[in-house]
Amino acid sequence: MEDTGHYHFALPRYLLDRFYTVALINPTTTDLTRKLQGGITKNDPLDSLTICDVIGSNPRKKPYRITKVNRFDLYEQKQLTRHHHNLKEELNVYKNPTSEMY
């Protein structure tokens, strides 16, 4: 499946919890493959075929990555870290007022 940020997390979690192996493909790779094959139209059935073409392509180049471990908690930790950083930045604005505020 395409690695589409946080949008694809539910299905891999489900599959990994049931001990399936999941291959994640960069959406740019599928887009480029579709264009190289002369495809203009983009829709889910054609994207599925393009993803199969990418996975079935030269195994030495591997334009995808295999995910066997459910590491999506790392994404959640990263989001919390970013949120914490943003809150600290916002707090600094109030702790260190500039002359422009007055």
Protein backbone atom coordinates (compact mmCIF):
# COMPACT_ATOMS: atom_id res chain seq x y z
CA MET A 1 0.00 0.00 0.00
CA GLU A 2 1.03 3.61 -0.38
CA ASP A 3 2.71 5.23 2.60
CA THR A 4 0.39 8.22 2.92
CA GLY A 5 1.36 9.74 6.24
CA HIS A 6 -1.13 9.03 9.00
CA TYR A 7 -3.97 8.19 6.58
CA HIS A 8 -2.83 4.60 6.02
CA PHE A 9 -2.27 3.63 9.67
CA ALA A 10 -5.52 1.77 10.38
CA LEU A 11 -5.11 -0.99 7.77
CA PRO A 12 -1.43 -1.79 8.48
CA ARG A 13 -2.17 -1.91 12.21
CA TYR A 14 -4.97 -4.37 11.55
CA LEU A 15 -2.82 -6.52 9.24
CA LEU A 16 0.27 -6.43 11.46
CA ASP A 17 -1.77 -7.39 14.51
CA ARG A 18 -2.73 -10.51 12.52
CA PHE A 19 0.93 -11.21 11.62
CA TYR A 20 0.79 -10.16 7.95
CA THR A 21 3.76 -8.54 6.29
CA VAL A 22 3.02 -5.09 4.89
CA ALA A 23 4.89 -3.38 2.03
CA LEU A 24 4.77 0.42 2.04
CA ILE A 25 5.40 2.32 -1.19
CA ASN A 26 6.13 6.01 -1.56
CA PRO A 27 3.18 7.61 -3.43
CA THR A 28 5.69 9.39 -5.68
CA THR A 29 6.90 5.98 -6.86
CA THR A 30 3.41 4.84 -7.86
CA ASP A 31 2.73 8.19 -9.54
CA LEU A 32 5.96 8.01 -11.53
CA THR A 33 5.32 4.36 -12.48
CA ARG A 34 1.80 5.23 -13.66
CA LYS A 35 3.14 8.10 -15.79
CA LEU A 36 5.94 5.95 -17.24
CA GLN A 37 3.34 3.38 -18.27
CA GLY A 38 1.49 6.12 -20.14
CA GLY A 39 -1.34 6.38 -17.66
CA ILE A 40 -3.07 9.70 -17.24
CA THR A 41 -6.11 8.59 -15.30
CA LYS A 42 -5.72 8.14 -11.56
CA ASN A 43 -8.25 6.10 -9.63
CA ASP A 44 -8.23 3.38 -6.97
CA PRO A 45 -8.49 0.34 -9.28
CA LEU A 46 -5.64 1.61 -11.48
CA ASP A 47 -3.56 2.60 -8.44
CA SER A 48 -3.95 -0.96 -7.11
CA LEU A 49 -2.60 -2.37 -10.36
CA THR A 50 0.27 0.13 -10.35
CA ILE A 51 1.18 -0.86 -6.78
CA CYS A 52 1.22 -4.53 -7.88
CA ASP A 53 3.50 -3.57 -10.78
CA VAL A 54 5.88 -1.77 -8.40
CA ILE A 55 6.03 -4.71 -5.97
CA GLY A 56 6.49 -7.16 -8.86
CA SER A 57 9.29 -5.09 -10.41
CA ASN A 58 13.01 -5.73 -10.06
CA PRO A 59 13.47 -7.13 -6.52
CA ARG A 60 17.03 -5.76 -6.33
CA LYS A 61 15.84 -2.15 -6.55
CA LYS A 62 13.00 -2.60 -4.02
CA PRO A 63 11.06 0.66 -4.46
CA TYR A 64 9.15 -0.17 -1.28
CA ARG A 65 9.88 -1.06 2.32
CA ILE A 66 8.62 -4.07 4.23
CA THR A 67 7.03 -3.40 7.60
CA LYS A 68 6.78 -6.37 9.91
CA VAL A 69 6.55 -4.62 13.26
CA ASN A 70 3.76 -2.37 14.40
CA ARG A 71 5.76 0.84 14.95
CA PHE A 72 2.92 3.30 14.70
CA ASP A 73 3.30 4.25 18.35
CA LEU A 74 6.50 6.02 17.24
CA TYR A 75 4.40 8.26 15.02
CA GLU A 76 2.20 9.14 17.98
CA GLN A 77 5.28 9.91 20.08
CA LYS A 78 6.62 12.14 17.33
CA GLN A 79 3.32 14.02 17.18
CA LEU A 80 3.35 14.55 20.94
CA THR A 81 6.94 15.79 20.81
CA ARG A 82 6.04 18.30 18.09
CA HIS A 83 3.00 19.44 20.04
CA HIS A 84 5.14 19.90 23.17
CA HIS A 85 7.68 21.93 21.20
CA ASN A 86 4.95 24.14 19.73
CA LEU A 87 3.46 24.76 23.16
CA LYS A 88 6.87 25.75 24.53
CA GLU A 89 7.37 28.15 21.61
CA GLU A 90 3.98 29.68 22.27
CA LEU A 91 4.76 29.97 25.98
CA ASN A 92 8.03 31.77 25.19
CA VAL A 93 6.09 34.50 23.42
CA TYR A 94 4.34 35.30 26.70
CA LYS A 95 7.39 34.84 28.94
CA ASN A 96 9.66 37.03 26.81
CA PRO A 97 7.52 39.92 25.61
CA THR A 98 9.08 42.23 23.09
CA SER A 99 8.61 45.95 22.86
CA GLU A 100 6.30 45.35 19.88
CA MET A 101 3.67 43.89 22.19
CA TYR A 102 3.34 47.16 24.14
